[in-house]
Structure formats: C-alpha cells, structure tokens
mmCIF file of all heavy atoms, coordinates in Angstrom:
data_MODEL
# 
_entry.id   MODEL 
# 
loop_
_atom_site.group_PDB 
_atom_site.id 
_atom_site.type_symbol 
_atom_site.label_atom_id 
_atom_site.label_alt_id 
_atom_site.label_comp_id 
_atom_site.label_asym_id 
_atom_site.label_entity_id 
_atom_site.label_seq_id 
_atom_site.pdbx_PDB_ins_code 
_atom_site.Cartn_x 
_atom_site.Cartn_y 
_atom_site.Cartn_z 
_atom_site.occupancy 
_atom_site.B_iso_or_equiv 
_atom_site.pdbx_formal_charge 
_atom_site.auth_seq_id 
_atom_site.auth_comp_id 
_atom_site.auth_asym_id 
_atom_site.auth_atom_id 
_atom_site.pdbx_PDB_model_num 
ATOM 1   N N   . GLY A 1 1  ? -14.711 9.323  -4.155  1.00 0.00 ? 1  GLY A N   1 
ATOM 2   C CA  . GLY A 1 1  ? -14.296 8.086  -4.814  1.00 0.00 ? 1  GLY A CA  1 
ATOM 3   C C   . GLY A 1 1  ? -13.043 8.297  -5.648  1.00 0.00 ? 1  GLY A C   1 
ATOM 4   O O   . GLY A 1 1  ? -12.114 7.480  -5.630  1.00 0.00 ? 1  GLY A O   1 
ATOM 5   N N   . PHE A 1 2  ? -12.992 9.415  -6.381  1.00 0.00 ? 2  PHE A N   1 
ATOM 6   C CA  . PHE A 1 2  ? -11.782 9.752  -7.144  1.00 0.00 ? 2  PHE A CA  1 
ATOM 7   C C   . PHE A 1 2  ? -10.576 9.905  -6.219  1.00 0.00 ? 2  PHE A C   1 
ATOM 8   O O   . PHE A 1 2  ? -9.463  9.486  -6.553  1.00 0.00 ? 2  PHE A O   1 
ATOM 9   C CB  . PHE A 1 2  ? -11.989 11.055 -7.927  1.00 0.00 ? 2  PHE A CB  1 
ATOM 10  C CG  . PHE A 1 2  ? -12.889 10.917 -9.116  1.00 0.00 ? 2  PHE A CG  1 
ATOM 11  C CD1 . PHE A 1 2  ? -13.680 11.971 -9.543  1.00 0.00 ? 2  PHE A CD1 1 
ATOM 12  C CD2 . PHE A 1 2  ? -12.954 9.731  -9.830  1.00 0.00 ? 2  PHE A CD2 1 
ATOM 13  C CE1 . PHE A 1 2  ? -14.507 11.851 -10.649 1.00 0.00 ? 2  PHE A CE1 1 
ATOM 14  C CE2 . PHE A 1 2  ? -13.775 9.597  -10.932 1.00 0.00 ? 2  PHE A CE2 1 
ATOM 15  C CZ  . PHE A 1 2  ? -14.562 10.652 -11.334 1.00 0.00 ? 2  PHE A CZ  1 
ATOM 16  N N   . PHE A 1 3  ? -10.792 10.511 -5.051  1.00 0.00 ? 3  PHE A N   1 
ATOM 17  C CA  . PHE A 1 3  ? -9.682  10.706 -4.114  1.00 0.00 ? 3  PHE A CA  1 
ATOM 18  C C   . PHE A 1 3  ? -9.098  9.368  -3.673  1.00 0.00 ? 3  PHE A C   1 
ATOM 19  O O   . PHE A 1 3  ? -7.874  9.157  -3.732  1.00 0.00 ? 3  PHE A O   1 
ATOM 20  C CB  . PHE A 1 3  ? -10.153 11.495 -2.891  1.00 0.00 ? 3  PHE A CB  1 
ATOM 21  C CG  . PHE A 1 3  ? -9.193  11.469 -1.740  1.00 0.00 ? 3  PHE A CG  1 
ATOM 22  C CD1 . PHE A 1 3  ? -8.026  12.208 -1.793  1.00 0.00 ? 3  PHE A CD1 1 
ATOM 23  C CD2 . PHE A 1 3  ? -9.453  10.697 -0.622  1.00 0.00 ? 3  PHE A CD2 1 
ATOM 24  C CE1 . PHE A 1 3  ? -7.117  12.179 -0.730  1.00 0.00 ? 3  PHE A CE1 1 
ATOM 25  C CE2 . PHE A 1 3  ? -8.557  10.667 0.440   1.00 0.00 ? 3  PHE A CE2 1 
ATOM 26  C CZ  . PHE A 1 3  ? -7.390  11.406 0.387   1.00 0.00 ? 3  PHE A CZ  1 
ATOM 27  N N   . PHE A 1 4  ? -9.940  8.459  -3.230  1.00 0.00 ? 4  PHE A N   1 
ATOM 28  C CA  . PHE A 1 4  ? -9.430  7.169  -2.757  1.00 0.00 ? 4  PHE A CA  1 
ATOM 29  C C   . PHE A 1 4  ? -8.792  6.373  -3.887  1.00 0.00 ? 4  PHE A C   1 
ATOM 30  O O   . PHE A 1 4  ? -7.795  5.680  -3.681  1.00 0.00 ? 4  PHE A O   1 
ATOM 31  C CB  . PHE A 1 4  ? -10.558 6.366  -2.107  1.00 0.00 ? 4  PHE A CB  1 
ATOM 32  C CG  . PHE A 1 4  ? -10.992 6.895  -0.774  1.00 0.00 ? 4  PHE A CG  1 
ATOM 33  C CD1 . PHE A 1 4  ? -12.284 7.350  -0.574  1.00 0.00 ? 4  PHE A CD1 1 
ATOM 34  C CD2 . PHE A 1 4  ? -10.102 6.965  0.280   1.00 0.00 ? 4  PHE A CD2 1 
ATOM 35  C CE1 . PHE A 1 4  ? -12.679 7.853  0.644   1.00 0.00 ? 4  PHE A CE1 1 
ATOM 36  C CE2 . PHE A 1 4  ? -10.490 7.475  1.512   1.00 0.00 ? 4  PHE A CE2 1 
ATOM 37  C CZ  . PHE A 1 4  ? -11.778 7.909  1.697   1.00 0.00 ? 4  PHE A CZ  1 
ATOM 38  N N   . MET A 1 5  ? -9.334  6.477  -5.095  1.00 0.00 ? 5  MET A N   1 
ATOM 39  C CA  . MET A 1 5  ? -8.723  5.786  -6.221  1.00 0.00 ? 5  MET A CA  1 
ATOM 40  C C   . MET A 1 5  ? -7.366  6.390  -6.560  1.00 0.00 ? 5  MET A C   1 
ATOM 41  O O   . MET A 1 5  ? -6.426  5.669  -6.924  1.00 0.00 ? 5  MET A O   1 
ATOM 42  C CB  . MET A 1 5  ? -9.655  5.830  -7.431  1.00 0.00 ? 5  MET A CB  1 
ATOM 43  C CG  . MET A 1 5  ? -10.897 4.960  -7.262  1.00 0.00 ? 5  MET A CG  1 
ATOM 44  S SD  . MET A 1 5  ? -12.044 5.053  -8.653  1.00 0.00 ? 5  MET A SD  1 
ATOM 45  C CE  . MET A 1 5  ? -11.094 4.254  -9.922  1.00 0.00 ? 5  MET A CE  1 
ATOM 46  N N   . SER A 1 6  ? -7.231  7.721  -6.428  1.00 0.00 ? 6  SER A N   1 
ATOM 47  C CA  . SER A 1 6  ? -5.933  8.342  -6.693  1.00 0.00 ? 6  SER A CA  1 
ATOM 48  C C   . SER A 1 6  ? -4.906  7.899  -5.657  1.00 0.00 ? 6  SER A C   1 
ATOM 49  O O   . SER A 1 6  ? -3.722  7.733  -5.967  1.00 0.00 ? 6  SER A O   1 
ATOM 50  C CB  . SER A 1 6  ? -6.063  9.866  -6.695  1.00 0.00 ? 6  SER A CB  1 
ATOM 51  O OG  . SER A 1 6  ? -6.281  10.366 -5.396  1.00 0.00 ? 6  SER A OG  1 
ATOM 52  N N   . VAL A 1 7  ? -5.348  7.709  -4.410  1.00 0.00 ? 7  VAL A N   1 
ATOM 53  C CA  . VAL A 1 7  ? -4.442  7.170  -3.390  1.00 0.00 ? 7  VAL A CA  1 
ATOM 54  C C   . VAL A 1 7  ? -4.015  5.756  -3.769  1.00 0.00 ? 7  VAL A C   1 
ATOM 55  O O   . VAL A 1 7  ? -2.835  5.392  -3.668  1.00 0.00 ? 7  VAL A O   1 
ATOM 56  C CB  . VAL A 1 7  ? -5.121  7.181  -2.007  1.00 0.00 ? 7  VAL A CB  1 
ATOM 57  C CG1 . VAL A 1 7  ? -4.252  6.456  -0.977  1.00 0.00 ? 7  VAL A CG1 1 
ATOM 58  C CG2 . VAL A 1 7  ? -5.397  8.601  -1.558  1.00 0.00 ? 7  VAL A CG2 1 
ATOM 59  N N   . GLY A 1 8  ? -4.983  4.949  -4.223  1.00 0.00 ? 8  GLY A N   1 
ATOM 60  C CA  . GLY A 1 8  ? -4.665  3.588  -4.639  1.00 0.00 ? 8  GLY A CA  1 
ATOM 61  C C   . GLY A 1 8  ? -3.692  3.538  -5.799  1.00 0.00 ? 8  GLY A C   1 
ATOM 62  O O   . GLY A 1 8  ? -2.870  2.613  -5.903  1.00 0.00 ? 8  GLY A O   1 
ATOM 63  N N   . MET A 1 9  ? -3.744  4.538  -6.683  1.00 0.00 ? 9  MET A N   1 
ATOM 64  C CA  . MET A 1 9  ? -2.841  4.567  -7.827  1.00 0.00 ? 9  MET A CA  1 
ATOM 65  C C   . MET A 1 9  ? -1.387  4.735  -7.417  1.00 0.00 ? 9  MET A C   1 
ATOM 66  O O   . MET A 1 9  ? -0.474  4.430  -8.185  1.00 0.00 ? 9  MET A O   1 
ATOM 67  C CB  . MET A 1 9  ? -3.257  5.684  -8.795  1.00 0.00 ? 9  MET A CB  1 
ATOM 68  C CG  . MET A 1 9  ? -4.570  5.410  -9.512  1.00 0.00 ? 9  MET A CG  1 
ATOM 69  S SD  . MET A 1 9  ? -5.193  6.845  -10.447 1.00 0.00 ? 9  MET A SD  1 
ATOM 70  C CE  . MET A 1 9  ? -3.914  7.023  -11.686 1.00 0.00 ? 9  MET A CE  1 
ATOM 71  N N   . HIS A 1 10 ? -1.145  5.232  -6.207  1.00 0.00 ? 10 HIS A N   1 
ATOM 72  C CA  . HIS A 1 10 ? 0.224   5.387  -5.708  1.00 0.00 ? 10 HIS A CA  1 
ATOM 73  C C   . HIS A 1 10 ? 0.738   4.117  -5.035  1.00 0.00 ? 10 HIS A C   1 
ATOM 74  O O   . HIS A 1 10 ? 1.924   4.051  -4.678  1.00 0.00 ? 10 HIS A O   1 
ATOM 75  C CB  . HIS A 1 10 ? 0.305   6.548  -4.715  1.00 0.00 ? 10 HIS A CB  1 
ATOM 76  C CG  . HIS A 1 10 ? 0.130   7.898  -5.333  1.00 0.00 ? 10 HIS A CG  1 
ATOM 77  N ND1 . HIS A 1 10 ? -1.107  8.451  -5.580  1.00 0.00 ? 10 HIS A ND1 1 
ATOM 78  C CD2 . HIS A 1 10 ? 1.027   8.808  -5.782  1.00 0.00 ? 10 HIS A CD2 1 
ATOM 79  C CE1 . HIS A 1 10 ? -0.951  9.649  -6.135  1.00 0.00 ? 10 HIS A CE1 1 
ATOM 80  N NE2 . HIS A 1 10 ? 0.331   9.886  -6.263  1.00 0.00 ? 10 HIS A NE2 1 
ATOM 81  N N   . LEU A 1 11 ? -0.128  3.147  -4.796  1.00 0.00 ? 11 LEU A N   1 
ATOM 82  C CA  . LEU A 1 11 ? 0.281   1.943  -4.067  1.00 0.00 ? 11 LEU A CA  1 
ATOM 83  C C   . LEU A 1 11 ? 1.018   0.982  -4.988  1.00 0.00 ? 11 LEU A C   1 
ATOM 84  O O   . LEU A 1 11 ? 0.530   0.643  -6.063  1.00 0.00 ? 11 LEU A O   1 
ATOM 85  C CB  . LEU A 1 11 ? -0.948  1.248  -3.468  1.00 0.00 ? 11 LEU A CB  1 
ATOM 86  C CG  . LEU A 1 11 ? -1.756  2.042  -2.437  1.00 0.00 ? 11 LEU A CG  1 
ATOM 87  C CD1 . LEU A 1 11 ? -2.947  1.221  -1.969  1.00 0.00 ? 11 LEU A CD1 1 
ATOM 88  C CD2 . LEU A 1 11 ? -0.890  2.434  -1.256  1.00 0.00 ? 11 LEU A CD2 1 
ATOM 89  N N   . ASP A 1 12 ? 2.179   0.544  -4.549  1.00 0.00 ? 12 ASP A N   1 
ATOM 90  C CA  . ASP A 1 12 ? 2.945   -0.477 -5.263  1.00 0.00 ? 12 ASP A CA  1 
ATOM 91  C C   . ASP A 1 12 ? 2.722   -1.795 -4.513  1.00 0.00 ? 12 ASP A C   1 
ATOM 92  O O   . ASP A 1 12 ? 3.406   -2.086 -3.518  1.00 0.00 ? 12 ASP A O   1 
ATOM 93  C CB  . ASP A 1 12 ? 4.427   -0.099 -5.295  1.00 0.00 ? 12 ASP A CB  1 
ATOM 94  C CG  . ASP A 1 12 ? 5.239   -1.023 -6.189  1.00 0.00 ? 12 ASP A CG  1 
ATOM 95  O OD1 . ASP A 1 12 ? 4.763   -2.141 -6.476  1.00 0.00 ? 12 ASP A OD1 1 
ATOM 96  O OD2 . ASP A 1 12 ? 6.349   -0.636 -6.599  1.00 0.00 ? 12 ASP A OD2 1 
ATOM 97  N N   . ILE A 1 13 ? 1.763   -2.570 -4.966  1.00 0.00 ? 13 ILE A N   1 
ATOM 98  C CA  . ILE A 1 13 ? 1.376   -3.785 -4.265  1.00 0.00 ? 13 ILE A CA  1 
ATOM 99  C C   . ILE A 1 13 ? 2.547   -4.761 -4.180  1.00 0.00 ? 13 ILE A C   1 
ATOM 100 O O   . ILE A 1 13 ? 2.761   -5.420 -3.147  1.00 0.00 ? 13 ILE A O   1 
ATOM 101 C CB  . ILE A 1 13 ? 0.172   -4.451 -4.957  1.00 0.00 ? 13 ILE A CB  1 
ATOM 102 C CG1 . ILE A 1 13 ? -1.016  -3.478 -5.008  1.00 0.00 ? 13 ILE A CG1 1 
ATOM 103 C CG2 . ILE A 1 13 ? -0.232  -5.721 -4.221  1.00 0.00 ? 13 ILE A CG2 1 
ATOM 104 C CD1 . ILE A 1 13 ? -1.521  -3.052 -3.669  1.00 0.00 ? 13 ILE A CD1 1 
ATOM 105 N N   . ALA A 1 14 ? 3.324   -4.881 -5.262  1.00 0.00 ? 14 ALA A N   1 
ATOM 106 C CA  . ALA A 1 14 ? 4.452   -5.817 -5.260  1.00 0.00 ? 14 ALA A CA  1 
ATOM 107 C C   . ALA A 1 14 ? 5.482   -5.443 -4.198  1.00 0.00 ? 14 ALA A C   1 
ATOM 108 O O   . ALA A 1 14 ? 5.973   -6.304 -3.455  1.00 0.00 ? 14 ALA A O   1 
ATOM 109 C CB  . ALA A 1 14 ? 5.089   -5.852 -6.649  1.00 0.00 ? 14 ALA A CB  1 
ATOM 110 N N   . ALA A 1 15 ? 5.809   -4.149 -4.124  1.00 0.00 ? 15 ALA A N   1 
ATOM 111 C CA  . ALA A 1 15 ? 6.774   -3.715 -3.114  1.00 0.00 ? 15 ALA A CA  1 
ATOM 112 C C   . ALA A 1 15 ? 6.215   -3.893 -1.704  1.00 0.00 ? 15 ALA A C   1 
ATOM 113 O O   . ALA A 1 15 ? 6.946   -4.274 -0.775  1.00 0.00 ? 15 ALA A O   1 
ATOM 114 C CB  . ALA A 1 15 ? 7.144   -2.253 -3.353  1.00 0.00 ? 15 ALA A CB  1 
ATOM 115 N N   . MET A 1 16 ? 4.921   -3.634 -1.535  1.00 0.00 ? 16 MET A N   1 
ATOM 116 C CA  . MET A 1 16 ? 4.306   -3.816 -0.224  1.00 0.00 ? 16 MET A CA  1 
ATOM 117 C C   . MET A 1 16 ? 4.298   -5.277 0.182   1.00 0.00 ? 16 MET A C   1 
ATOM 118 O O   . MET A 1 16 ? 4.479   -5.603 1.361   1.00 0.00 ? 16 MET A O   1 
ATOM 119 C CB  . MET A 1 16 ? 2.878   -3.255 -0.237  1.00 0.00 ? 16 MET A CB  1 
ATOM 120 C CG  . MET A 1 16 ? 2.799   -1.744 -0.385  1.00 0.00 ? 16 MET A CG  1 
ATOM 121 S SD  . MET A 1 16 ? 1.101   -1.152 -0.604  1.00 0.00 ? 16 MET A SD  1 
ATOM 122 C CE  . MET A 1 16 ? 0.390   -1.644 0.955   1.00 0.00 ? 16 MET A CE  1 
ATOM 123 N N   . ALA A 1 17 ? 4.098   -6.165 -0.772  1.00 0.00 ? 17 ALA A N   1 
ATOM 124 C CA  . ALA A 1 17 ? 4.099   -7.597 -0.463  1.00 0.00 ? 17 ALA A CA  1 
ATOM 125 C C   . ALA A 1 17 ? 5.467   -8.054 0.032   1.00 0.00 ? 17 ALA A C   1 
ATOM 126 O O   . ALA A 1 17 ? 5.572   -8.919 0.912   1.00 0.00 ? 17 ALA A O   1 
ATOM 127 C CB  . ALA A 1 17 ? 3.689   -8.396 -1.691  1.00 0.00 ? 17 ALA A CB  1 
ATOM 128 N N   . MET A 1 18 ? 6.536   -7.477 -0.520  1.00 0.00 ? 18 MET A N   1 
ATOM 129 C CA  . MET A 1 18 ? 7.887   -7.860 -0.098  1.00 0.00 ? 18 MET A CA  1 
ATOM 130 C C   . MET A 1 18 ? 8.166   -7.438 1.341   1.00 0.00 ? 18 MET A C   1 
ATOM 131 O O   . MET A 1 18 ? 8.902   -8.111 2.072   1.00 0.00 ? 18 MET A O   1 
ATOM 132 C CB  . MET A 1 18 ? 8.918   -7.233 -1.030  1.00 0.00 ? 18 MET A CB  1 
ATOM 133 C CG  . MET A 1 18 ? 8.868   -7.755 -2.461  1.00 0.00 ? 18 MET A CG  1 
ATOM 134 S SD  . MET A 1 18 ? 10.041  -6.899 -3.542  1.00 0.00 ? 18 MET A SD  1 
ATOM 135 C CE  . MET A 1 18 ? 11.592  -7.296 -2.717  1.00 0.00 ? 18 MET A CE  1 
ATOM 136 N N   . ASP A 1 19 ? 7.579   -6.314 1.765   1.00 0.00 ? 19 ASP A N   1 
ATOM 137 C CA  . ASP A 1 19 ? 7.792   -5.803 3.125   1.00 0.00 ? 19 ASP A CA  1 
ATOM 138 C C   . ASP A 1 19 ? 6.544   -5.950 3.986   1.00 0.00 ? 19 ASP A C   1 
ATOM 139 O O   . ASP A 1 19 ? 6.349   -5.188 4.940   1.00 0.00 ? 19 ASP A O   1 
ATOM 140 C CB  . ASP A 1 19 ? 8.191   -4.328 3.070   1.00 0.00 ? 19 ASP A CB  1 
ATOM 141 C CG  . ASP A 1 19 ? 9.528   -4.114 2.385   1.00 0.00 ? 19 ASP A CG  1 
ATOM 142 O OD1 . ASP A 1 19 ? 10.411  -4.965 2.571   1.00 0.00 ? 19 ASP A OD1 1 
ATOM 143 O OD2 . ASP A 1 19 ? 9.671   -3.111 1.654   1.00 0.00 ? 19 ASP A OD2 1 
ATOM 144 N N   . ALA A 1 20 ? 5.694   -6.927 3.653   1.00 0.00 ? 20 ALA A N   1 
ATOM 145 C CA  . ALA A 1 20 ? 4.419   -7.079 4.356   1.00 0.00 ? 20 ALA A CA  1 
ATOM 146 C C   . ALA A 1 20 ? 4.570   -7.232 5.870   1.00 0.00 ? 20 ALA A C   1 
ATOM 147 O O   . ALA A 1 20 ? 3.838   -6.579 6.631   1.00 0.00 ? 20 ALA A O   1 
ATOM 148 C CB  . ALA A 1 20 ? 3.641   -8.259 3.773   1.00 0.00 ? 20 ALA A CB  1 
ATOM 149 N N   . PRO A 1 21 ? 5.495   -8.062 6.383   1.00 0.00 ? 21 PRO A N   1 
ATOM 150 C CA  . PRO A 1 21 ? 5.611   -8.190 7.847   1.00 0.00 ? 21 PRO A CA  1 
ATOM 151 C C   . PRO A 1 21 ? 5.921   -6.856 8.532   1.00 0.00 ? 21 PRO A C   1 
ATOM 152 O O   . PRO A 1 21 ? 5.306   -6.523 9.553   1.00 0.00 ? 21 PRO A O   1 
ATOM 153 C CB  . PRO A 1 21 ? 6.762   -9.198 8.018   1.00 0.00 ? 21 PRO A CB  1 
ATOM 154 C CG  . PRO A 1 21 ? 6.760   -9.985 6.756   1.00 0.00 ? 21 PRO A CG  1 
ATOM 155 C CD  . PRO A 1 21 ? 6.388   -9.009 5.686   1.00 0.00 ? 21 PRO A CD  1 
ATOM 156 N N   . ALA A 1 22 ? 6.858   -6.078 7.966   1.00 0.00 ? 22 ALA A N   1 
ATOM 157 C CA  . ALA A 1 22 ? 7.211   -4.799 8.583   1.00 0.00 ? 22 ALA A CA  1 
ATOM 158 C C   . ALA A 1 22 ? 6.039   -3.824 8.513   1.00 0.00 ? 22 ALA A C   1 
ATOM 159 O O   . ALA A 1 22 ? 5.766   -3.101 9.482   1.00 0.00 ? 22 ALA A O   1 
ATOM 160 C CB  . ALA A 1 22 ? 8.437   -4.203 7.876   1.00 0.00 ? 22 ALA A CB  1 
ATOM 161 N N   . ILE A 1 23 ? 5.340   -3.800 7.373   1.00 0.00 ? 23 ILE A N   1 
ATOM 162 C CA  . ILE A 1 23 ? 4.202   -2.892 7.228   1.00 0.00 ? 23 ILE A CA  1 
ATOM 163 C C   . ILE A 1 23 ? 3.108   -3.239 8.217   1.00 0.00 ? 23 ILE A C   1 
ATOM 164 O O   . ILE A 1 23 ? 2.534   -2.360 8.885   1.00 0.00 ? 23 ILE A O   1 
ATOM 165 C CB  . ILE A 1 23 ? 3.679   -2.940 5.770   1.00 0.00 ? 23 ILE A CB  1 
ATOM 166 C CG1 . ILE A 1 23 ? 4.714   -2.333 4.818   1.00 0.00 ? 23 ILE A CG1 1 
ATOM 167 C CG2 . ILE A 1 23 ? 2.355   -2.184 5.660   1.00 0.00 ? 23 ILE A CG2 1 
ATOM 168 C CD1 . ILE A 1 23 ? 4.363   -2.483 3.365   1.00 0.00 ? 23 ILE A CD1 1 
ATOM 169 N N   . LEU A 1 24 ? 2.795   -4.528 8.358   1.00 0.00 ? 24 LEU A N   1 
ATOM 170 C CA  . LEU A 1 24 ? 1.757   -4.948 9.302   1.00 0.00 ? 24 LEU A CA  1 
ATOM 171 C C   . LEU A 1 24 ? 2.156   -4.636 10.732  1.00 0.00 ? 24 LEU A C   1 
ATOM 172 O O   . LEU A 1 24 ? 1.324   -4.218 11.546  1.00 0.00 ? 24 LEU A O   1 
ATOM 173 C CB  . LEU A 1 24 ? 1.485   -6.445 9.138   1.00 0.00 ? 24 LEU A CB  1 
ATOM 174 C CG  . LEU A 1 24 ? 0.825   -6.857 7.813   1.00 0.00 ? 24 LEU A CG  1 
ATOM 175 C CD1 . LEU A 1 24 ? 0.751   -8.382 7.710   1.00 0.00 ? 24 LEU A CD1 1 
ATOM 176 C CD2 . LEU A 1 24 ? -0.567  -6.258 7.697   1.00 0.00 ? 24 LEU A CD2 1 
ATOM 177 N N   . PHE A 1 25 ? 3.446   -4.816 11.058  1.00 0.00 ? 25 PHE A N   1 
ATOM 178 C CA  . PHE A 1 25 ? 3.918   -4.527 12.406  1.00 0.00 ? 25 PHE A CA  1 
ATOM 179 C C   . PHE A 1 25 ? 3.791   -3.043 12.721  1.00 0.00 ? 25 PHE A C   1 
ATOM 180 O O   . PHE A 1 25 ? 3.309   -2.646 13.799  1.00 0.00 ? 25 PHE A O   1 
ATOM 181 C CB  . PHE A 1 25 ? 5.373   -4.988 12.547  1.00 0.00 ? 25 PHE A CB  1 
ATOM 182 C CG  . PHE A 1 25 ? 5.974   -4.672 13.886  1.00 0.00 ? 25 PHE A CG  1 
ATOM 183 C CD1 . PHE A 1 25 ? 5.669   -5.435 15.015  1.00 0.00 ? 25 PHE A CD1 1 
ATOM 184 C CD2 . PHE A 1 25 ? 6.843   -3.599 14.029  1.00 0.00 ? 25 PHE A CD2 1 
ATOM 185 C CE1 . PHE A 1 25 ? 6.218   -5.142 16.242  1.00 0.00 ? 25 PHE A CE1 1 
ATOM 186 C CE2 . PHE A 1 25 ? 7.399   -3.282 15.267  1.00 0.00 ? 25 PHE A CE2 1 
ATOM 187 C CZ  . PHE A 1 25 ? 7.085   -4.072 16.384  1.00 0.00 ? 25 PHE A CZ  1 
ATOM 188 N N   . ILE A 1 26 ? 4.217   -2.178 11.780  1.00 0.00 ? 26 ILE A N   1 
ATOM 189 C CA  . ILE A 1 26 ? 4.135   -0.731 11.987  1.00 0.00 ? 26 ILE A CA  1 
ATOM 190 C C   . ILE A 1 26 ? 2.688   -0.282 12.078  1.00 0.00 ? 26 ILE A C   1 
ATOM 191 O O   . ILE A 1 26 ? 2.321   0.545  12.924  1.00 0.00 ? 26 ILE A O   1 
ATOM 192 C CB  . ILE A 1 26 ? 4.879   0.007  10.857  1.00 0.00 ? 26 ILE A CB  1 
ATOM 193 C CG1 . ILE A 1 26 ? 6.373   -0.295 10.932  1.00 0.00 ? 26 ILE A CG1 1 
ATOM 194 C CG2 . ILE A 1 26 ? 4.627   1.517  10.932  1.00 0.00 ? 26 ILE A CG2 1 
ATOM 195 C CD1 . ILE A 1 26 ? 7.155   0.230  9.748   1.00 0.00 ? 26 ILE A CD1 1 
ATOM 196 N N   . ALA A 1 27 ? 1.825   -0.831 11.188  1.00 0.00 ? 27 ALA A N   1 
ATOM 197 C CA  . ALA A 1 27 ? 0.404   -0.459 11.228  1.00 0.00 ? 27 ALA A CA  1 
ATOM 198 C C   . ALA A 1 27 ? -0.234  -0.853 12.568  1.00 0.00 ? 27 ALA A C   1 
ATOM 199 O O   . ALA A 1 27 ? -0.989  -0.082 13.145  1.00 0.00 ? 27 ALA A O   1 
ATOM 200 C CB  . ALA A 1 27 ? -0.337  -1.122 10.070  1.00 0.00 ? 27 ALA A CB  1 
# 
C-alpha cells in the first residue's frame, strides 16, 4: 500500500489532465 501511494505522490494530475488525449492514446 505504501508503494502504490508513493507512486501516486509522483503523479501531477493537473499536467496529466492537460495531456489527457495523448496519454490515453499511448496507454
């Protein structure tokens, strides 16, 4: 649980939202 939360701490949700189409396409 600590591991996944530490991964989440690196996520910049605002930046991901700006590039959401590209991220979804690559995923």
